[in-house]
N, C-alpha and C. Protein backbone atom coordinates (compact mmCIF):
# COMPACT_ATOMS: atom_id res chain seq x y z
N MET A 1 46.09 -30.98 -74.68
CA MET A 1 46.04 -29.64 -74.16
C MET A 1 47.40 -29.27 -73.58
N HIS A 2 47.82 -28.05 -73.84
CA HIS A 2 49.06 -27.52 -73.28
C HIS A 2 48.76 -26.26 -72.48
N LEU A 3 49.43 -26.12 -71.34
CA LEU A 3 49.34 -24.90 -70.54
C LEU A 3 50.60 -24.09 -70.75
N ILE A 4 50.44 -22.79 -70.91
CA ILE A 4 51.58 -21.87 -70.96
C ILE A 4 51.40 -20.89 -69.82
N LEU A 5 52.36 -20.86 -68.90
CA LEU A 5 52.30 -19.99 -67.72
C LEU A 5 53.38 -18.93 -67.84
N ASP A 6 52.97 -17.66 -67.85
CA ASP A 6 53.93 -16.57 -68.00
C ASP A 6 54.46 -16.16 -66.63
N SER A 7 55.38 -16.95 -66.12
CA SER A 7 55.97 -16.67 -64.81
C SER A 7 57.11 -15.65 -64.92
N TYR A 8 57.63 -15.44 -66.11
CA TYR A 8 58.71 -14.47 -66.29
C TYR A 8 58.19 -13.05 -66.13
N SER A 9 57.03 -12.75 -66.71
CA SER A 9 56.43 -11.41 -66.60
C SER A 9 55.72 -11.21 -65.27
N ASN A 10 55.27 -12.30 -64.66
CA ASN A 10 54.53 -12.22 -63.40
C ASN A 10 55.01 -13.34 -62.47
N PRO A 11 55.97 -13.04 -61.60
CA PRO A 11 56.48 -14.08 -60.69
C PRO A 11 55.39 -14.69 -59.80
N GLY A 12 54.29 -14.01 -59.62
CA GLY A 12 53.19 -14.56 -58.83
C GLY A 12 52.62 -15.82 -59.44
N ILE A 13 52.76 -15.99 -60.74
CA ILE A 13 52.28 -17.19 -61.42
C ILE A 13 53.04 -18.42 -60.90
N SER A 14 54.34 -18.27 -60.64
CA SER A 14 55.11 -19.39 -60.07
C SER A 14 54.58 -19.76 -58.70
N LEU A 15 54.24 -18.76 -57.89
CA LEU A 15 53.69 -19.03 -56.56
C LEU A 15 52.32 -19.70 -56.67
N LEU A 16 51.51 -19.23 -57.63
CA LEU A 16 50.21 -19.86 -57.86
C LEU A 16 50.40 -21.33 -58.23
N TRP A 17 51.38 -21.61 -59.09
CA TRP A 17 51.63 -22.98 -59.52
C TRP A 17 52.11 -23.84 -58.36
N LYS A 18 52.98 -23.29 -57.52
CA LYS A 18 53.46 -24.06 -56.36
C LYS A 18 52.31 -24.40 -55.42
N ARG A 19 51.37 -23.49 -55.27
CA ARG A 19 50.25 -23.70 -54.35
C ARG A 19 49.18 -24.61 -54.95
N HIS A 20 48.84 -24.40 -56.25
CA HIS A 20 47.69 -25.07 -56.85
C HIS A 20 48.03 -25.91 -58.09
N GLY A 21 49.29 -26.09 -58.41
CA GLY A 21 49.66 -26.81 -59.63
C GLY A 21 49.08 -28.21 -59.72
N LEU A 22 49.12 -28.95 -58.62
CA LEU A 22 48.60 -30.31 -58.63
C LEU A 22 47.10 -30.32 -58.90
N SER A 23 46.37 -29.41 -58.27
CA SER A 23 44.92 -29.32 -58.49
C SER A 23 44.61 -28.94 -59.94
N ILE A 24 45.38 -28.01 -60.47
CA ILE A 24 45.18 -27.59 -61.87
C ILE A 24 45.44 -28.78 -62.80
N MET A 25 46.50 -29.52 -62.53
CA MET A 25 46.83 -30.69 -63.37
C MET A 25 45.72 -31.74 -63.28
N GLU A 26 45.18 -31.97 -62.07
CA GLU A 26 44.11 -32.96 -61.91
C GLU A 26 42.85 -32.56 -62.64
N GLN A 27 42.52 -31.27 -62.62
CA GLN A 27 41.29 -30.79 -63.25
C GLN A 27 41.41 -30.75 -64.78
N LEU A 28 42.51 -30.24 -65.29
CA LEU A 28 42.64 -30.01 -66.74
C LEU A 28 43.32 -31.16 -67.48
N VAL A 29 44.13 -31.94 -66.81
CA VAL A 29 44.89 -33.05 -67.37
C VAL A 29 45.61 -32.62 -68.67
N PRO A 30 46.51 -31.64 -68.55
CA PRO A 30 47.24 -31.22 -69.75
C PRO A 30 48.30 -32.24 -70.15
N ASN A 31 48.62 -32.28 -71.44
CA ASN A 31 49.69 -33.14 -71.92
C ASN A 31 51.04 -32.59 -71.44
N GLU A 32 51.19 -31.27 -71.51
CA GLU A 32 52.43 -30.63 -71.09
C GLU A 32 52.12 -29.23 -70.58
N PHE A 33 53.07 -28.67 -69.83
CA PHE A 33 52.96 -27.28 -69.43
C PHE A 33 54.33 -26.64 -69.54
N PHE A 34 54.33 -25.34 -69.83
CA PHE A 34 55.56 -24.60 -70.07
C PHE A 34 55.53 -23.30 -69.29
N PHE A 35 56.70 -22.90 -68.76
CA PHE A 35 56.86 -21.61 -68.11
C PHE A 35 57.71 -20.73 -69.01
N THR A 36 57.38 -19.45 -69.07
CA THR A 36 58.21 -18.51 -69.82
C THR A 36 59.47 -18.23 -69.01
N THR A 37 60.55 -17.94 -69.71
CA THR A 37 61.82 -17.57 -69.09
C THR A 37 62.42 -16.44 -69.92
N GLY A 38 63.57 -15.94 -69.48
CA GLY A 38 64.27 -14.93 -70.26
C GLY A 38 64.70 -15.47 -71.61
N ASP A 39 65.05 -16.76 -71.66
CA ASP A 39 65.49 -17.39 -72.90
C ASP A 39 64.33 -17.90 -73.75
N THR A 40 63.18 -18.15 -73.11
CA THR A 40 62.01 -18.65 -73.83
C THR A 40 60.85 -17.70 -73.58
N PRO A 41 60.77 -16.61 -74.35
CA PRO A 41 59.70 -15.65 -74.13
C PRO A 41 58.34 -16.20 -74.57
N LEU A 42 57.31 -15.54 -74.11
CA LEU A 42 55.93 -15.95 -74.38
C LEU A 42 55.66 -16.14 -75.86
N GLU A 43 56.05 -15.18 -76.67
CA GLU A 43 55.77 -15.24 -78.10
C GLU A 43 56.38 -16.49 -78.73
N LYS A 44 57.59 -16.83 -78.33
CA LYS A 44 58.25 -18.02 -78.87
C LYS A 44 57.49 -19.29 -78.48
N LEU A 45 57.03 -19.37 -77.22
CA LEU A 45 56.27 -20.54 -76.77
C LEU A 45 54.95 -20.67 -77.52
N VAL A 46 54.23 -19.56 -77.67
CA VAL A 46 52.94 -19.61 -78.36
C VAL A 46 53.13 -20.03 -79.81
N GLU A 47 54.10 -19.43 -80.49
CA GLU A 47 54.37 -19.81 -81.89
C GLU A 47 54.73 -21.28 -82.00
N ARG A 48 55.58 -21.76 -81.12
CA ARG A 48 56.00 -23.17 -81.16
C ARG A 48 54.80 -24.10 -80.96
N GLU A 49 53.90 -23.76 -80.05
CA GLU A 49 52.74 -24.60 -79.80
C GLU A 49 51.76 -24.58 -80.97
N ILE A 50 51.59 -23.42 -81.58
CA ILE A 50 50.70 -23.32 -82.75
C ILE A 50 51.25 -24.18 -83.89
N TRP A 51 52.54 -24.05 -84.18
CA TRP A 51 53.14 -24.75 -85.31
C TRP A 51 53.37 -26.22 -85.04
N SER A 52 53.40 -26.63 -83.76
CA SER A 52 53.61 -28.05 -83.47
C SER A 52 52.33 -28.86 -83.62
N GLY A 53 51.23 -28.18 -83.89
CA GLY A 53 49.99 -28.90 -84.18
C GLY A 53 49.06 -29.11 -83.00
N TRP A 54 49.40 -28.56 -81.84
CA TRP A 54 48.50 -28.71 -80.70
C TRP A 54 47.25 -27.90 -80.94
N LYS A 55 46.12 -28.47 -80.63
CA LYS A 55 44.84 -27.85 -80.96
C LYS A 55 44.20 -27.14 -79.77
N LYS A 56 44.73 -27.34 -78.56
CA LYS A 56 44.14 -26.72 -77.38
C LYS A 56 45.26 -26.18 -76.48
N ILE A 57 45.23 -24.87 -76.25
CA ILE A 57 46.25 -24.19 -75.44
C ILE A 57 45.54 -23.30 -74.44
N ILE A 58 46.03 -23.29 -73.21
CA ILE A 58 45.53 -22.35 -72.20
C ILE A 58 46.70 -21.49 -71.77
N LEU A 59 46.50 -20.18 -71.84
CA LEU A 59 47.53 -19.21 -71.51
C LEU A 59 47.16 -18.54 -70.19
N ILE A 60 48.06 -18.62 -69.20
CA ILE A 60 47.83 -18.04 -67.88
C ILE A 60 48.88 -16.98 -67.64
N GLY A 61 48.43 -15.76 -67.32
CA GLY A 61 49.37 -14.67 -67.06
C GLY A 61 48.65 -13.36 -66.82
N THR A 62 49.39 -12.28 -66.89
CA THR A 62 48.83 -10.94 -66.68
C THR A 62 47.96 -10.55 -67.87
N PRO A 63 47.14 -9.50 -67.73
CA PRO A 63 46.41 -9.01 -68.90
C PRO A 63 47.33 -8.65 -70.07
N ASN A 64 48.51 -8.13 -69.77
CA ASN A 64 49.48 -7.83 -70.83
C ASN A 64 49.95 -9.11 -71.51
N THR A 65 50.15 -10.17 -70.72
CA THR A 65 50.52 -11.48 -71.27
C THR A 65 49.46 -11.95 -72.26
N ILE A 66 48.20 -11.80 -71.86
CA ILE A 66 47.09 -12.25 -72.71
C ILE A 66 47.09 -11.46 -74.02
N ARG A 67 47.28 -10.15 -73.95
CA ARG A 67 47.34 -9.34 -75.18
C ARG A 67 48.48 -9.79 -76.08
N ARG A 68 49.66 -10.02 -75.49
CA ARG A 68 50.81 -10.45 -76.29
C ARG A 68 50.56 -11.82 -76.92
N GLY A 69 50.03 -12.76 -76.13
CA GLY A 69 49.73 -14.09 -76.66
C GLY A 69 48.68 -14.04 -77.75
N PHE A 70 47.65 -13.20 -77.55
CA PHE A 70 46.59 -13.04 -78.54
C PHE A 70 47.14 -12.48 -79.84
N ASN A 71 48.00 -11.47 -79.76
CA ASN A 71 48.58 -10.89 -80.98
C ASN A 71 49.49 -11.89 -81.69
N THR A 72 50.21 -12.70 -80.95
CA THR A 72 51.03 -13.74 -81.56
C THR A 72 50.15 -14.75 -82.29
N LEU A 73 49.07 -15.13 -81.66
CA LEU A 73 48.11 -16.06 -82.28
C LEU A 73 47.55 -15.47 -83.57
N MET A 74 47.18 -14.20 -83.54
CA MET A 74 46.58 -13.57 -84.72
C MET A 74 47.58 -13.38 -85.86
N GLN A 75 48.87 -13.42 -85.58
CA GLN A 75 49.88 -13.31 -86.63
C GLN A 75 50.02 -14.62 -87.41
N ALA A 76 49.55 -15.73 -86.82
CA ALA A 76 49.62 -17.03 -87.50
C ALA A 76 48.62 -17.06 -88.65
N SER A 77 48.79 -17.98 -89.54
CA SER A 77 47.89 -18.09 -90.69
C SER A 77 46.49 -18.49 -90.24
N TYR A 78 45.53 -18.17 -91.06
CA TYR A 78 44.14 -18.51 -90.75
C TYR A 78 43.97 -20.01 -90.58
N GLU A 79 44.67 -20.80 -91.40
CA GLU A 79 44.56 -22.25 -91.33
C GLU A 79 44.98 -22.77 -89.95
N CYS A 80 46.01 -22.19 -89.38
CA CYS A 80 46.45 -22.60 -88.03
C CYS A 80 45.45 -22.15 -86.97
N ARG A 81 45.00 -20.91 -87.07
CA ARG A 81 44.09 -20.35 -86.06
C ARG A 81 42.73 -21.03 -86.08
N SER A 82 42.25 -21.40 -87.25
CA SER A 82 40.88 -21.90 -87.35
C SER A 82 40.69 -23.26 -86.68
N THR A 83 41.76 -24.01 -86.48
CA THR A 83 41.64 -25.33 -85.85
C THR A 83 42.06 -25.30 -84.38
N LEU A 84 42.44 -24.16 -83.89
CA LEU A 84 43.00 -24.04 -82.55
C LEU A 84 41.95 -23.57 -81.55
N GLU A 85 41.94 -24.20 -80.37
CA GLU A 85 41.14 -23.72 -79.25
C GLU A 85 42.11 -23.13 -78.25
N ILE A 86 41.90 -21.88 -77.87
CA ILE A 86 42.81 -21.25 -76.92
C ILE A 86 42.01 -20.61 -75.80
N GLY A 87 42.47 -20.84 -74.60
CA GLY A 87 41.84 -20.26 -73.42
C GLY A 87 42.78 -19.24 -72.81
N PHE A 88 42.23 -18.13 -72.37
CA PHE A 88 43.01 -17.08 -71.73
C PHE A 88 42.57 -16.94 -70.28
N TRP A 89 43.52 -16.96 -69.35
CA TRP A 89 43.22 -16.76 -67.94
C TRP A 89 44.06 -15.58 -67.45
N PRO A 90 43.52 -14.35 -67.57
CA PRO A 90 44.27 -13.18 -67.12
C PRO A 90 44.21 -13.05 -65.60
N LEU A 91 45.37 -12.86 -64.98
CA LEU A 91 45.45 -12.72 -63.53
C LEU A 91 46.19 -11.43 -63.18
N HIS A 92 45.48 -10.49 -62.58
CA HIS A 92 46.11 -9.29 -62.04
C HIS A 92 46.84 -9.69 -60.76
N LEU A 93 47.72 -8.85 -60.28
CA LEU A 93 48.44 -9.13 -59.04
C LEU A 93 47.48 -9.43 -57.89
N LYS A 94 46.41 -8.64 -57.81
CA LYS A 94 45.42 -8.83 -56.74
C LYS A 94 44.75 -10.21 -56.85
N SER A 95 44.40 -10.63 -58.05
CA SER A 95 43.74 -11.93 -58.22
C SER A 95 44.71 -13.09 -57.98
N VAL A 96 45.99 -12.91 -58.29
CA VAL A 96 46.98 -13.95 -58.00
C VAL A 96 47.09 -14.15 -56.50
N VAL A 97 47.17 -13.04 -55.75
CA VAL A 97 47.25 -13.12 -54.29
C VAL A 97 46.00 -13.79 -53.74
N SER A 98 44.84 -13.43 -54.28
CA SER A 98 43.59 -14.04 -53.83
C SER A 98 43.57 -15.54 -54.10
N CYS A 99 44.01 -15.94 -55.29
CA CYS A 99 44.05 -17.37 -55.64
C CYS A 99 45.00 -18.14 -54.74
N ILE A 100 46.17 -17.56 -54.46
CA ILE A 100 47.16 -18.24 -53.64
C ILE A 100 46.65 -18.44 -52.22
N SER A 101 45.92 -17.45 -51.72
CA SER A 101 45.45 -17.53 -50.33
C SER A 101 44.23 -18.44 -50.15
N GLN A 102 43.59 -18.83 -51.23
CA GLN A 102 42.40 -19.68 -51.16
C GLN A 102 42.78 -21.16 -51.26
N SER A 103 41.83 -22.01 -50.92
CA SER A 103 42.04 -23.44 -51.12
C SER A 103 41.88 -23.77 -52.61
N SER A 104 42.29 -24.95 -53.00
CA SER A 104 42.19 -25.37 -54.39
C SER A 104 40.74 -25.45 -54.86
N PHE A 105 39.81 -25.64 -53.92
CA PHE A 105 38.38 -25.69 -54.25
C PHE A 105 37.92 -24.38 -54.89
N TYR A 106 38.57 -23.27 -54.53
CA TYR A 106 38.24 -21.95 -55.06
C TYR A 106 38.45 -21.88 -56.58
N LEU A 107 39.43 -22.61 -57.10
CA LEU A 107 39.75 -22.57 -58.52
C LEU A 107 38.85 -23.45 -59.37
N LYS A 108 38.13 -24.36 -58.75
CA LYS A 108 37.35 -25.35 -59.49
C LYS A 108 36.42 -24.73 -60.54
N PRO A 109 35.64 -23.67 -60.21
CA PRO A 109 34.76 -23.09 -61.25
C PRO A 109 35.52 -22.55 -62.46
N PHE A 110 36.68 -21.94 -62.22
CA PHE A 110 37.48 -21.41 -63.34
C PHE A 110 37.98 -22.55 -64.21
N LEU A 111 38.48 -23.59 -63.57
CA LEU A 111 39.02 -24.73 -64.30
C LEU A 111 37.95 -25.48 -65.07
N GLN A 112 36.72 -25.52 -64.53
CA GLN A 112 35.61 -26.19 -65.23
C GLN A 112 35.29 -25.49 -66.55
N VAL A 113 35.40 -24.16 -66.56
CA VAL A 113 35.15 -23.41 -67.80
C VAL A 113 36.15 -23.83 -68.87
N PHE A 114 37.43 -23.94 -68.50
CA PHE A 114 38.45 -24.36 -69.46
C PHE A 114 38.26 -25.81 -69.89
N LYS A 115 37.97 -26.67 -68.93
CA LYS A 115 37.84 -28.09 -69.23
C LYS A 115 36.67 -28.37 -70.17
N SER A 116 35.56 -27.66 -69.96
CA SER A 116 34.38 -27.90 -70.80
C SER A 116 34.55 -27.35 -72.21
N GLY A 117 35.48 -26.43 -72.40
CA GLY A 117 35.78 -25.94 -73.74
C GLY A 117 34.74 -25.02 -74.34
N HIS A 118 33.96 -24.32 -73.50
CA HIS A 118 32.98 -23.37 -74.03
C HIS A 118 33.71 -22.26 -74.77
N THR A 119 33.11 -21.79 -75.84
CA THR A 119 33.73 -20.73 -76.61
C THR A 119 32.85 -19.49 -76.63
N LEU A 120 33.49 -18.37 -76.74
CA LEU A 120 32.81 -17.09 -76.90
C LEU A 120 33.32 -16.48 -78.20
N HIS A 121 32.41 -16.05 -79.03
CA HIS A 121 32.81 -15.36 -80.25
C HIS A 121 33.00 -13.89 -79.91
N VAL A 122 34.12 -13.33 -80.30
CA VAL A 122 34.40 -11.93 -80.02
C VAL A 122 34.76 -11.23 -81.32
N ASP A 123 34.42 -9.95 -81.39
CA ASP A 123 34.80 -9.15 -82.54
C ASP A 123 36.26 -8.74 -82.38
N VAL A 124 37.04 -8.98 -83.42
CA VAL A 124 38.46 -8.65 -83.39
C VAL A 124 38.71 -7.51 -84.37
N MET A 125 39.39 -6.49 -83.87
CA MET A 125 39.75 -5.36 -84.72
C MET A 125 41.22 -5.46 -85.08
N LYS A 126 41.53 -5.20 -86.35
CA LYS A 126 42.91 -5.19 -86.82
C LYS A 126 43.30 -3.74 -87.06
N VAL A 127 44.40 -3.34 -86.46
CA VAL A 127 44.86 -1.95 -86.59
C VAL A 127 46.28 -1.97 -87.13
N GLN A 128 46.51 -1.20 -88.18
CA GLN A 128 47.85 -1.03 -88.71
C GLN A 128 48.25 0.43 -88.51
N PHE A 129 49.49 0.65 -88.07
CA PHE A 129 49.94 2.00 -87.83
C PHE A 129 51.44 2.09 -88.11
N LEU A 130 51.87 3.32 -88.30
CA LEU A 130 53.29 3.56 -88.58
C LEU A 130 53.99 3.97 -87.30
N ALA A 131 54.96 3.21 -86.91
CA ALA A 131 55.91 3.59 -85.86
C ALA A 131 57.18 3.82 -86.67
N PRO A 132 58.32 3.36 -86.24
CA PRO A 132 59.45 3.43 -87.17
C PRO A 132 59.17 2.65 -88.45
N GLU A 133 58.35 1.61 -88.35
CA GLU A 133 57.92 0.85 -89.53
C GLU A 133 56.46 0.44 -89.32
N LEU A 134 55.84 -0.13 -90.35
CA LEU A 134 54.45 -0.53 -90.27
C LEU A 134 54.26 -1.65 -89.26
N GLU A 135 53.34 -1.48 -88.30
CA GLU A 135 53.04 -2.50 -87.29
C GLU A 135 51.56 -2.84 -87.35
N THR A 136 51.24 -4.08 -86.99
CA THR A 136 49.86 -4.54 -86.95
C THR A 136 49.57 -5.08 -85.57
N LYS A 137 48.46 -4.65 -84.98
CA LYS A 137 48.02 -5.15 -83.68
C LYS A 137 46.56 -5.53 -83.79
N TYR A 138 46.14 -6.46 -82.94
CA TYR A 138 44.76 -6.94 -82.91
C TYR A 138 44.18 -6.67 -81.53
N PHE A 139 42.91 -6.31 -81.49
CA PHE A 139 42.22 -6.01 -80.24
C PHE A 139 40.84 -6.64 -80.27
N TRP A 140 40.30 -6.96 -79.11
CA TRP A 140 38.92 -7.39 -79.02
C TRP A 140 38.25 -6.59 -77.92
N ASN A 141 36.91 -6.45 -78.05
CA ASN A 141 36.16 -5.76 -77.00
C ASN A 141 36.29 -6.56 -75.73
N ASP A 142 36.54 -5.87 -74.63
CA ASP A 142 36.74 -6.56 -73.35
C ASP A 142 35.53 -7.37 -72.96
N PHE A 143 35.78 -8.51 -72.40
CA PHE A 143 34.73 -9.30 -71.79
C PHE A 143 35.29 -9.89 -70.51
N GLU A 144 34.40 -10.23 -69.61
CA GLU A 144 34.81 -10.70 -68.29
C GLU A 144 33.99 -11.92 -67.92
N ILE A 145 34.63 -12.90 -67.29
CA ILE A 145 33.92 -14.09 -66.85
C ILE A 145 33.97 -14.13 -65.34
N ASN A 146 32.81 -14.12 -64.71
CA ASN A 146 32.72 -14.27 -63.26
C ASN A 146 32.10 -15.62 -62.99
N SER A 147 32.76 -16.43 -62.22
CA SER A 147 32.24 -17.76 -61.91
C SER A 147 32.35 -17.97 -60.41
N THR A 148 31.25 -18.33 -59.79
CA THR A 148 31.25 -18.52 -58.35
C THR A 148 30.52 -19.80 -58.01
N LEU A 149 30.81 -20.32 -56.85
CA LEU A 149 30.09 -21.48 -56.34
C LEU A 149 29.17 -21.02 -55.22
N LYS A 150 27.92 -21.44 -55.29
CA LYS A 150 26.98 -21.21 -54.21
C LYS A 150 26.65 -22.57 -53.64
N LYS A 151 25.81 -22.65 -52.64
CA LYS A 151 25.54 -23.93 -51.97
C LYS A 151 25.14 -25.02 -52.95
N THR A 152 24.16 -24.81 -53.79
CA THR A 152 23.72 -25.86 -54.71
C THR A 152 23.65 -25.40 -56.15
N ILE A 153 23.94 -24.14 -56.42
CA ILE A 153 23.83 -23.64 -57.78
C ILE A 153 25.17 -23.05 -58.21
N LYS A 154 25.63 -23.47 -59.37
CA LYS A 154 26.82 -22.88 -59.96
C LYS A 154 26.34 -21.75 -60.87
N ASP A 155 26.87 -20.56 -60.68
CA ASP A 155 26.42 -19.40 -61.43
C ASP A 155 27.58 -18.86 -62.25
N ASN A 156 27.47 -18.93 -63.56
CA ASN A 156 28.47 -18.36 -64.44
C ASN A 156 27.87 -17.18 -65.16
N GLN A 157 28.56 -16.05 -65.10
CA GLN A 157 28.10 -14.86 -65.80
C GLN A 157 29.18 -14.43 -66.77
N VAL A 158 28.77 -14.17 -67.98
CA VAL A 158 29.71 -13.74 -69.01
C VAL A 158 29.29 -12.35 -69.46
N PHE A 159 30.22 -11.41 -69.40
CA PHE A 159 29.97 -10.06 -69.86
C PHE A 159 30.79 -9.81 -71.10
N LYS A 160 30.13 -9.42 -72.17
CA LYS A 160 30.81 -9.09 -73.42
C LYS A 160 30.30 -7.72 -73.82
N GLY A 161 31.17 -6.71 -73.71
CA GLY A 161 30.70 -5.35 -73.94
C GLY A 161 29.67 -5.02 -72.90
N LYS A 162 28.46 -4.66 -73.32
CA LYS A 162 27.40 -4.35 -72.38
C LYS A 162 26.37 -5.46 -72.29
N GLN A 163 26.60 -6.55 -73.02
CA GLN A 163 25.67 -7.67 -73.00
C GLN A 163 26.02 -8.57 -71.82
N LYS A 164 25.02 -9.21 -71.26
CA LYS A 164 25.24 -10.14 -70.15
C LYS A 164 24.49 -11.42 -70.43
N ARG A 165 25.16 -12.55 -70.21
CA ARG A 165 24.51 -13.85 -70.32
C ARG A 165 24.79 -14.57 -69.01
N SER A 166 23.76 -15.15 -68.42
CA SER A 166 23.93 -15.85 -67.17
C SER A 166 23.43 -17.28 -67.33
N ASP A 167 24.27 -18.23 -66.93
CA ASP A 167 23.90 -19.65 -66.98
C ASP A 167 23.85 -20.16 -65.55
N LYS A 168 22.73 -20.68 -65.14
CA LYS A 168 22.64 -21.28 -63.82
C LYS A 168 22.37 -22.75 -63.98
N LYS A 169 23.19 -23.56 -63.35
CA LYS A 169 23.04 -25.00 -63.45
C LYS A 169 23.12 -25.58 -62.04
N LEU A 170 22.37 -26.64 -61.80
CA LEU A 170 22.45 -27.31 -60.52
C LEU A 170 23.82 -27.92 -60.39
N HIS A 171 24.41 -27.75 -59.25
CA HIS A 171 25.76 -28.26 -58.99
C HIS A 171 25.64 -29.57 -58.24
N SER A 172 26.26 -30.62 -58.75
CA SER A 172 26.18 -31.92 -58.10
C SER A 172 27.25 -32.09 -57.07
């Protein structure tokens, strides 16, 4: 597993890593992690990871980062995409501040979702349009994952469009 953190587009990601990096590493046990820079943009990192044969990537950044990473992924061949597991963790400025101010225990439910490797099938739309030249972009219907810890029950809710699925499991 590789982590890609878009700290260039969102400096708050660096602060999140300084505060919770060790906990994230302990929970996910990635082989490597990479930060975006001016010289190493997100698209270049995602392409390099796809072509290097890694099968599991987690992308952490702003919602715009996630869209850019997703479009880069969709530009790869079907053969590359079909064997790849990719996790997206979009963090708005408000959620980054919230994560930084919390203890590492706060992140545990989010990290468990990535570690367990659950997948959600989403409908992807391909749009081609003319700007100065022909461009292709990919979109998916928004979905949201809310994960919270309660005293003895872990409650994960997944929203995809207007559908809702709730999984309640006893927390040990």
